[in-house]
């Protein structure tokens, strides 16, 4: 679990840097950053659930869902001009 969390955290930082330095278009980099961050939040939620900290696990789960909703809205607005 720690390896996956570390891997997705590294992806988040790497694509964030690529987007900020304009090496990759921010229209492409930011959704990838948000998805990797949401997956990291889901993995963190799973860790807290396993440690019997249900309240904190729910917070991280809701944060991950919120990030995916924001990402879906941003992608839809890019595609369909909402």
N, C-alpha and C. Protein backbone atom coordinates (compact mmCIF):
# COMPACT_ATOMS: atom_id res chain seq x y z
N UNK A 1 0.83 -1.19 0.00
CA UNK A 1 0.00 0.00 0.00
C UNK A 1 0.87 1.25 0.00
N UNK A 2 1.92 1.23 0.79
CA UNK A 2 2.81 2.40 0.85
C UNK A 2 3.48 2.65 -0.50
N UNK A 3 3.81 1.58 -1.21
CA UNK A 3 4.47 1.72 -2.51
C UNK A 3 3.53 2.40 -3.52
N UNK A 4 2.28 1.98 -3.53
CA UNK A 4 1.30 2.60 -4.44
C UNK A 4 1.09 4.06 -4.08
N UNK A 5 1.00 4.34 -2.79
CA UNK A 5 0.79 5.72 -2.36
C UNK A 5 1.98 6.60 -2.73
N UNK A 6 3.17 6.08 -2.56
CA UNK A 6 4.37 6.81 -2.93
C UNK A 6 4.44 7.02 -4.44
N UNK A 7 4.06 6.01 -5.20
CA UNK A 7 4.10 6.10 -6.66
C UNK A 7 3.11 7.16 -7.17
N UNK A 8 1.88 7.15 -6.66
CA UNK A 8 0.90 8.13 -7.12
C UNK A 8 1.22 9.54 -6.60
N UNK A 9 1.84 9.64 -5.45
CA UNK A 9 2.29 10.96 -4.97
C UNK A 9 3.38 11.51 -5.88
N UNK A 10 4.28 10.63 -6.30
CA UNK A 10 5.35 11.06 -7.21
C UNK A 10 4.77 11.47 -8.57
N UNK A 11 3.77 10.73 -9.06
CA UNK A 11 3.11 11.11 -10.31
C UNK A 11 2.45 12.48 -10.18
N UNK A 12 1.82 12.73 -9.04
CA UNK A 12 1.16 14.01 -8.80
C UNK A 12 2.16 15.15 -8.88
N UNK A 13 3.28 14.99 -8.20
CA UNK A 13 4.31 16.04 -8.19
C UNK A 13 4.93 16.19 -9.58
N UNK A 14 5.23 15.07 -10.24
CA UNK A 14 5.88 15.12 -11.54
C UNK A 14 5.00 15.82 -12.58
N UNK A 15 3.73 15.45 -12.65
CA UNK A 15 2.86 16.10 -13.62
C UNK A 15 2.55 17.53 -13.24
N UNK A 16 2.54 17.82 -11.94
CA UNK A 16 2.39 19.21 -11.52
C UNK A 16 3.55 20.06 -11.98
N UNK A 17 4.75 19.55 -11.86
CA UNK A 17 5.94 20.27 -12.33
C UNK A 17 5.91 20.43 -13.85
N UNK A 18 5.53 19.37 -14.55
CA UNK A 18 5.44 19.45 -16.02
C UNK A 18 4.42 20.49 -16.46
N UNK A 19 3.31 20.59 -15.73
CA UNK A 19 2.30 21.57 -16.08
C UNK A 19 2.74 22.99 -15.75
N UNK A 20 3.42 23.16 -14.62
CA UNK A 20 3.86 24.50 -14.22
C UNK A 20 4.99 25.04 -15.08
N UNK A 21 5.84 24.15 -15.57
CA UNK A 21 6.96 24.60 -16.41
C UNK A 21 6.59 24.66 -17.89
N UNK A 22 5.33 24.40 -18.18
CA UNK A 22 4.81 24.44 -19.56
C UNK A 22 5.46 23.40 -20.47
N UNK A 23 6.07 22.38 -19.89
CA UNK A 23 6.60 21.28 -20.68
C UNK A 23 5.45 20.43 -21.22
N UNK A 24 4.35 20.45 -20.52
CA UNK A 24 3.14 19.75 -20.92
C UNK A 24 1.98 20.72 -20.74
N UNK A 25 1.06 20.72 -21.65
CA UNK A 25 -0.07 21.64 -21.57
C UNK A 25 -0.82 21.44 -20.26
N UNK A 26 -1.22 22.54 -19.65
CA UNK A 26 -1.96 22.43 -18.39
C UNK A 26 -3.33 21.79 -18.60
N UNK A 27 -3.86 21.86 -19.81
CA UNK A 27 -5.13 21.18 -20.10
C UNK A 27 -4.98 19.66 -19.99
N UNK A 28 -3.79 19.17 -20.18
CA UNK A 28 -3.51 17.74 -20.07
C UNK A 28 -2.98 17.40 -18.69
N UNK A 29 -2.08 18.22 -18.17
CA UNK A 29 -1.40 17.90 -16.91
C UNK A 29 -2.31 17.97 -15.69
N UNK A 30 -3.16 18.98 -15.62
CA UNK A 30 -3.96 19.16 -14.41
C UNK A 30 -4.97 18.04 -14.16
N UNK A 31 -5.68 17.54 -15.18
CA UNK A 31 -6.56 16.40 -14.89
C UNK A 31 -5.78 15.17 -14.41
N UNK A 32 -4.60 14.96 -14.97
CA UNK A 32 -3.77 13.83 -14.52
C UNK A 32 -3.34 14.04 -13.08
N UNK A 33 -2.98 15.27 -12.72
CA UNK A 33 -2.60 15.59 -11.34
C UNK A 33 -3.77 15.32 -10.40
N UNK A 34 -4.97 15.77 -10.78
CA UNK A 34 -6.12 15.58 -9.91
C UNK A 34 -6.50 14.11 -9.76
N UNK A 35 -6.40 13.34 -10.83
CA UNK A 35 -6.73 11.91 -10.74
C UNK A 35 -5.71 11.19 -9.86
N UNK A 36 -4.43 11.49 -10.04
CA UNK A 36 -3.41 10.85 -9.21
C UNK A 36 -3.57 11.25 -7.75
N UNK A 37 -3.93 12.51 -7.50
CA UNK A 37 -4.17 12.97 -6.14
C UNK A 37 -5.39 12.28 -5.53
N UNK A 38 -6.44 12.10 -6.33
CA UNK A 38 -7.63 11.41 -5.84
C UNK A 38 -7.31 9.95 -5.49
N UNK A 39 -6.52 9.30 -6.32
CA UNK A 39 -6.14 7.91 -6.02
C UNK A 39 -5.31 7.86 -4.75
N UNK A 40 -4.44 8.84 -4.55
CA UNK A 40 -3.67 8.91 -3.31
C UNK A 40 -4.59 9.08 -2.12
N UNK A 41 -5.62 9.90 -2.26
CA UNK A 41 -6.59 10.10 -1.18
C UNK A 41 -7.35 8.81 -0.88
N UNK A 42 -7.71 8.06 -1.93
CA UNK A 42 -8.40 6.78 -1.72
C UNK A 42 -7.50 5.78 -0.98
N UNK A 43 -6.22 5.74 -1.35
CA UNK A 43 -5.29 4.84 -0.68
C UNK A 43 -5.08 5.25 0.77
N UNK A 44 -5.03 6.55 1.02
CA UNK A 44 -4.89 7.03 2.39
C UNK A 44 -6.14 6.70 3.20
N UNK A 45 -7.30 6.83 2.57
CA UNK A 45 -8.55 6.46 3.23
C UNK A 45 -8.56 4.98 3.62
N UNK A 46 -8.06 4.16 2.73
CA UNK A 46 -7.98 2.71 3.02
C UNK A 46 -7.05 2.44 4.21
N UNK A 47 -5.93 3.16 4.27
CA UNK A 47 -5.01 2.99 5.39
C UNK A 47 -5.66 3.37 6.71
N UNK A 48 -6.37 4.49 6.72
CA UNK A 48 -7.03 4.92 7.95
C UNK A 48 -8.15 3.96 8.34
N UNK A 49 -8.85 3.42 7.35
CA UNK A 49 -9.90 2.45 7.65
C UNK A 49 -9.31 1.18 8.27
N UNK A 50 -8.16 0.76 7.76
CA UNK A 50 -7.50 -0.42 8.32
C UNK A 50 -7.00 -0.16 9.74
N UNK A 51 -6.67 1.10 10.05
CA UNK A 51 -6.21 1.46 11.39
C UNK A 51 -7.35 1.81 12.32
N UNK A 52 -8.59 1.54 11.89
CA UNK A 52 -9.80 1.76 12.69
C UNK A 52 -10.05 3.23 13.01
N UNK A 53 -9.67 4.11 12.10
CA UNK A 53 -9.97 5.53 12.25
C UNK A 53 -10.99 5.89 11.17
N UNK A 54 -12.21 5.46 11.41
CA UNK A 54 -13.26 5.53 10.41
C UNK A 54 -13.60 6.97 10.02
N UNK A 55 -13.63 7.88 10.99
CA UNK A 55 -14.00 9.26 10.70
C UNK A 55 -13.00 9.92 9.74
N UNK A 56 -11.73 9.73 9.99
CA UNK A 56 -10.70 10.28 9.11
C UNK A 56 -10.74 9.61 7.74
N UNK A 57 -11.01 8.32 7.71
CA UNK A 57 -11.11 7.59 6.44
C UNK A 57 -12.24 8.14 5.58
N UNK A 58 -13.35 8.49 6.20
CA UNK A 58 -14.48 9.05 5.46
C UNK A 58 -14.11 10.41 4.88
N UNK A 59 -13.37 11.21 5.65
CA UNK A 59 -12.96 12.52 5.15
C UNK A 59 -12.07 12.39 3.91
N UNK A 60 -11.11 11.49 3.95
CA UNK A 60 -10.24 11.29 2.80
C UNK A 60 -11.00 10.71 1.61
N UNK A 61 -11.95 9.84 1.87
CA UNK A 61 -12.77 9.28 0.80
C UNK A 61 -13.60 10.38 0.13
N UNK A 62 -14.22 11.25 0.92
CA UNK A 62 -15.01 12.34 0.36
C UNK A 62 -14.13 13.32 -0.42
N UNK A 63 -12.93 13.56 0.07
CA UNK A 63 -12.01 14.43 -0.65
C UNK A 63 -11.63 13.84 -2.00
N UNK A 64 -11.39 12.53 -2.05
CA UNK A 64 -11.08 11.87 -3.32
C UNK A 64 -12.23 11.93 -4.29
N UNK A 65 -13.45 11.73 -3.80
CA UNK A 65 -14.63 11.81 -4.66
C UNK A 65 -14.80 13.24 -5.18
N UNK A 66 -14.60 14.23 -4.31
CA UNK A 66 -14.71 15.63 -4.72
C UNK A 66 -13.69 15.95 -5.82
N UNK A 67 -12.47 15.47 -5.67
CA UNK A 67 -11.45 15.71 -6.70
C UNK A 67 -11.84 15.09 -8.03
N UNK A 68 -12.43 13.90 -8.01
CA UNK A 68 -12.85 13.27 -9.26
C UNK A 68 -14.02 14.02 -9.90
N UNK A 69 -14.92 14.54 -9.08
CA UNK A 69 -16.04 15.32 -9.62
C UNK A 69 -15.53 16.60 -10.27
N UNK A 70 -14.60 17.28 -9.59
CA UNK A 70 -14.02 18.50 -10.16
C UNK A 70 -13.29 18.19 -11.46
N UNK A 71 -12.56 17.11 -11.50
CA UNK A 71 -11.84 16.72 -12.71
C UNK A 71 -12.81 16.40 -13.85
N UNK A 72 -13.87 15.67 -13.55
CA UNK A 72 -14.85 15.34 -14.59
C UNK A 72 -15.51 16.61 -15.13
N UNK A 73 -15.82 17.56 -14.25
CA UNK A 73 -16.41 18.81 -14.71
C UNK A 73 -15.43 19.60 -15.59
N UNK A 74 -14.17 19.64 -15.18
CA UNK A 74 -13.17 20.37 -15.97
C UNK A 74 -12.97 19.74 -17.36
N UNK A 75 -12.94 18.42 -17.41
CA UNK A 75 -12.77 17.75 -18.70
C UNK A 75 -14.01 17.97 -19.56
N UNK A 76 -15.20 17.89 -18.97
CA UNK A 76 -16.42 18.13 -19.72
C UNK A 76 -16.48 19.55 -20.24
N UNK A 77 -16.02 20.50 -19.44
CA UNK A 77 -16.06 21.89 -19.90
C UNK A 77 -15.04 22.13 -21.02
N UNK A 78 -13.94 21.41 -21.01
CA UNK A 78 -12.97 21.53 -22.11
C UNK A 78 -13.51 20.91 -23.41
N UNK A 79 -14.19 19.79 -23.26
CA UNK A 79 -14.68 19.08 -24.44
C UNK A 79 -15.92 19.74 -25.02
N UNK A 80 -16.91 19.99 -24.16
CA UNK A 80 -18.20 20.47 -24.65
C UNK A 80 -18.42 21.97 -24.43
N UNK A 81 -17.50 22.64 -23.79
CA UNK A 81 -17.63 24.07 -23.57
C UNK A 81 -18.76 24.44 -22.62
N UNK A 82 -18.91 23.69 -21.56
CA UNK A 82 -19.97 23.94 -20.58
C UNK A 82 -19.67 25.23 -19.83
